[in-house]
Amino acid sequence: SPSQTYSHTTEKSSVKIGRALTCDFVIPKDDLSREQCLFEIQNGEFFVTDLGSKNGIYVDRERLAPNTP
């Protein structure tokens, strides 16, 4: 949501975000999927992957294809 800000600090190279308690970063919002997305750092590059979420993940107003970093 553009009106809310969340932050998370970790030493891990990947972080799964969603409502499920099994996620690394849990955000209890009804418009978020149980497993929304995965953020990763690989070789100094930053990747985000939509994990098949209902509402999708957008980068620069373009919806990402599910399960594709």
N, C-alpha and C. Protein backbone atom coordinates (compact mmCIF):
# COMPACT_ATOMS: atom_id res chain seq x y z
N SER A 1 0.84 -1.18 0.00
CA SER A 1 0.00 0.00 0.00
C SER A 1 0.88 1.24 0.00
N PRO A 2 0.62 2.18 -0.88
CA PRO A 2 1.44 3.39 -0.92
C PRO A 2 1.35 4.22 0.35
N SER A 3 0.31 4.03 1.14
CA SER A 3 0.14 4.84 2.35
C SER A 3 0.85 4.25 3.56
N GLN A 4 1.39 3.05 3.44
CA GLN A 4 2.07 2.42 4.57
C GLN A 4 3.50 2.05 4.19
N THR A 5 4.38 2.10 5.18
CA THR A 5 5.77 1.75 4.98
C THR A 5 6.14 0.64 5.94
N TYR A 6 6.85 -0.35 5.44
CA TYR A 6 7.34 -1.45 6.26
C TYR A 6 8.84 -1.55 6.06
N SER A 7 9.54 -2.01 7.07
CA SER A 7 10.97 -2.21 6.91
C SER A 7 11.37 -3.53 7.55
N HIS A 8 12.45 -4.09 7.05
CA HIS A 8 12.93 -5.38 7.52
C HIS A 8 14.44 -5.41 7.31
N THR A 9 15.16 -5.86 8.30
CA THR A 9 16.61 -5.95 8.22
C THR A 9 17.00 -7.42 8.32
N THR A 10 17.89 -7.84 7.45
CA THR A 10 18.33 -9.24 7.47
C THR A 10 19.73 -9.36 6.89
N GLU A 11 20.39 -10.44 7.22
CA GLU A 11 21.69 -10.77 6.64
C GLU A 11 21.54 -11.80 5.52
N LYS A 12 20.31 -12.29 5.31
CA LYS A 12 20.05 -13.31 4.30
C LYS A 12 20.13 -12.72 2.89
N SER A 13 20.41 -13.56 1.91
CA SER A 13 20.48 -13.08 0.53
C SER A 13 19.12 -13.15 -0.15
N SER A 14 18.12 -13.73 0.52
CA SER A 14 16.76 -13.76 -0.03
C SER A 14 15.75 -13.63 1.11
N VAL A 15 14.63 -12.98 0.79
CA VAL A 15 13.57 -12.76 1.78
C VAL A 15 12.22 -12.98 1.10
N LYS A 16 11.43 -13.92 1.66
CA LYS A 16 10.09 -14.18 1.15
C LYS A 16 9.11 -13.33 1.96
N ILE A 17 8.23 -12.62 1.24
CA ILE A 17 7.28 -11.70 1.86
C ILE A 17 5.85 -12.18 1.59
N GLY A 18 5.02 -12.10 2.62
CA GLY A 18 3.61 -12.47 2.48
C GLY A 18 2.90 -12.49 3.83
N ARG A 19 1.65 -12.99 3.82
CA ARG A 19 0.87 -13.08 5.06
C ARG A 19 1.18 -14.33 5.87
N ALA A 20 1.69 -15.38 5.22
CA ALA A 20 1.93 -16.66 5.89
C ALA A 20 3.01 -16.53 6.96
N LEU A 21 2.80 -17.20 8.06
CA LEU A 21 3.78 -17.17 9.14
C LEU A 21 5.09 -17.85 8.75
N THR A 22 5.09 -18.61 7.67
CA THR A 22 6.31 -19.26 7.18
C THR A 22 7.19 -18.32 6.36
N CYS A 23 6.69 -17.14 6.04
CA CYS A 23 7.48 -16.15 5.29
C CYS A 23 8.54 -15.54 6.20
N ASP A 24 9.60 -15.02 5.59
CA ASP A 24 10.66 -14.35 6.35
C ASP A 24 10.18 -13.01 6.89
N PHE A 25 9.35 -12.33 6.12
CA PHE A 25 8.81 -11.03 6.52
C PHE A 25 7.30 -11.09 6.35
N VAL A 26 6.59 -11.15 7.47
CA VAL A 26 5.14 -11.31 7.47
C VAL A 26 4.47 -9.94 7.56
N ILE A 27 3.57 -9.68 6.61
CA ILE A 27 2.78 -8.45 6.60
C ILE A 27 1.31 -8.88 6.63
N PRO A 28 0.62 -8.65 7.74
CA PRO A 28 -0.76 -9.13 7.89
C PRO A 28 -1.78 -8.21 7.21
N LYS A 29 -1.74 -8.17 5.87
CA LYS A 29 -2.67 -7.36 5.10
C LYS A 29 -3.51 -8.27 4.22
N ASP A 30 -4.84 -8.05 4.20
CA ASP A 30 -5.73 -8.90 3.43
C ASP A 30 -5.48 -8.85 1.92
N ASP A 31 -4.95 -7.74 1.41
CA ASP A 31 -4.70 -7.64 -0.03
C ASP A 31 -3.35 -8.22 -0.44
N LEU A 32 -2.64 -8.82 0.50
CA LEU A 32 -1.37 -9.47 0.23
C LEU A 32 -1.59 -10.98 0.22
N SER A 33 -0.97 -11.68 -0.70
CA SER A 33 -1.08 -13.14 -0.77
C SER A 33 -0.30 -13.78 0.38
N ARG A 34 -0.62 -15.06 0.64
CA ARG A 34 0.13 -15.77 1.69
C ARG A 34 1.61 -15.75 1.38
N GLU A 35 1.97 -15.97 0.13
CA GLU A 35 3.35 -15.84 -0.33
C GLU A 35 3.33 -14.89 -1.53
N GLN A 36 3.63 -13.64 -1.29
CA GLN A 36 3.50 -12.59 -2.31
C GLN A 36 4.69 -12.55 -3.26
N CYS A 37 5.89 -12.40 -2.68
CA CYS A 37 7.06 -12.24 -3.54
C CYS A 37 8.33 -12.65 -2.81
N LEU A 38 9.38 -12.76 -3.60
CA LEU A 38 10.70 -13.10 -3.09
C LEU A 38 11.68 -12.04 -3.57
N PHE A 39 12.40 -11.44 -2.63
CA PHE A 39 13.47 -10.50 -2.96
C PHE A 39 14.79 -11.24 -2.79
N GLU A 40 15.70 -11.09 -3.77
CA GLU A 40 16.99 -11.78 -3.73
C GLU A 40 18.11 -10.86 -4.18
N ILE A 41 19.28 -11.11 -3.63
CA ILE A 41 20.50 -10.46 -4.11
C ILE A 41 21.42 -11.57 -4.59
N GLN A 42 21.80 -11.49 -5.88
CA GLN A 42 22.70 -12.49 -6.46
C GLN A 42 23.80 -11.76 -7.22
N ASN A 43 25.02 -12.02 -6.82
CA ASN A 43 26.18 -11.38 -7.47
C ASN A 43 26.04 -9.87 -7.53
N GLY A 44 25.54 -9.27 -6.46
CA GLY A 44 25.41 -7.82 -6.39
C GLY A 44 24.21 -7.25 -7.11
N GLU A 45 23.38 -8.11 -7.71
CA GLU A 45 22.18 -7.65 -8.40
C GLU A 45 20.94 -7.98 -7.56
N PHE A 46 19.94 -7.13 -7.67
CA PHE A 46 18.72 -7.23 -6.89
C PHE A 46 17.60 -7.76 -7.78
N PHE A 47 16.89 -8.82 -7.32
CA PHE A 47 15.80 -9.43 -8.08
C PHE A 47 14.55 -9.51 -7.23
N VAL A 48 13.39 -9.37 -7.87
CA VAL A 48 12.11 -9.60 -7.21
C VAL A 48 11.33 -10.58 -8.07
N THR A 49 10.69 -11.55 -7.41
CA THR A 49 9.92 -12.58 -8.10
C THR A 49 8.52 -12.63 -7.51
N ASP A 50 7.52 -12.50 -8.37
CA ASP A 50 6.12 -12.69 -7.96
C ASP A 50 5.92 -14.18 -7.77
N LEU A 51 5.45 -14.59 -6.60
CA LEU A 51 5.27 -16.00 -6.30
C LEU A 51 3.88 -16.50 -6.65
N GLY A 52 3.31 -15.96 -7.73
CA GLY A 52 1.97 -16.37 -8.15
C GLY A 52 0.88 -15.68 -7.37
N SER A 53 1.14 -14.48 -6.91
CA SER A 53 0.19 -13.74 -6.08
C SER A 53 -1.04 -13.31 -6.88
N LYS A 54 -2.14 -13.15 -6.19
CA LYS A 54 -3.40 -12.77 -6.84
C LYS A 54 -3.33 -11.38 -7.47
N ASN A 55 -2.80 -10.42 -6.73
CA ASN A 55 -2.77 -9.03 -7.20
C ASN A 55 -1.50 -8.66 -7.95
N GLY A 56 -0.53 -9.56 -7.97
CA GLY A 56 0.68 -9.33 -8.74
C GLY A 56 1.69 -8.40 -8.09
N ILE A 57 2.82 -8.31 -8.75
CA ILE A 57 3.91 -7.41 -8.36
C ILE A 57 4.18 -6.52 -9.56
N TYR A 58 4.31 -5.23 -9.31
CA TYR A 58 4.55 -4.26 -10.38
C TYR A 58 5.89 -3.57 -10.17
N VAL A 59 6.63 -3.42 -11.26
CA VAL A 59 7.87 -2.65 -11.27
C VAL A 59 7.74 -1.65 -12.41
N ASP A 60 7.89 -0.39 -12.09
CA ASP A 60 7.72 0.68 -13.08
C ASP A 60 6.38 0.56 -13.82
N ARG A 61 5.33 0.28 -13.06
CA ARG A 61 3.94 0.17 -13.55
C ARG A 61 3.70 -1.01 -14.48
N GLU A 62 4.65 -1.94 -14.55
CA GLU A 62 4.49 -3.12 -15.39
C GLU A 62 4.43 -4.35 -14.49
N ARG A 63 3.38 -5.17 -14.70
CA ARG A 63 3.21 -6.36 -13.89
C ARG A 63 4.25 -7.42 -14.30
N LEU A 64 4.90 -7.99 -13.29
CA LEU A 64 5.89 -9.01 -13.53
C LEU A 64 5.20 -10.35 -13.83
N ALA A 65 5.83 -11.14 -14.67
CA ALA A 65 5.34 -12.50 -14.93
C ALA A 65 5.57 -13.33 -13.67
N PRO A 66 4.60 -14.14 -13.27
CA PRO A 66 4.78 -14.97 -12.07
C PRO A 66 5.97 -15.91 -12.18
N ASN A 67 6.63 -16.12 -11.07
CA ASN A 67 7.72 -17.08 -10.92
C ASN A 67 8.91 -16.83 -11.85
N THR A 68 9.11 -15.57 -12.22
CA THR A 68 10.24 -15.18 -13.07
C THR A 68 11.00 -14.03 -12.41
N PRO A 69 12.25 -14.27 -12.01
CA PRO A 69 13.00 -13.17 -11.37
C PRO A 69 13.18 -11.97 -12.29
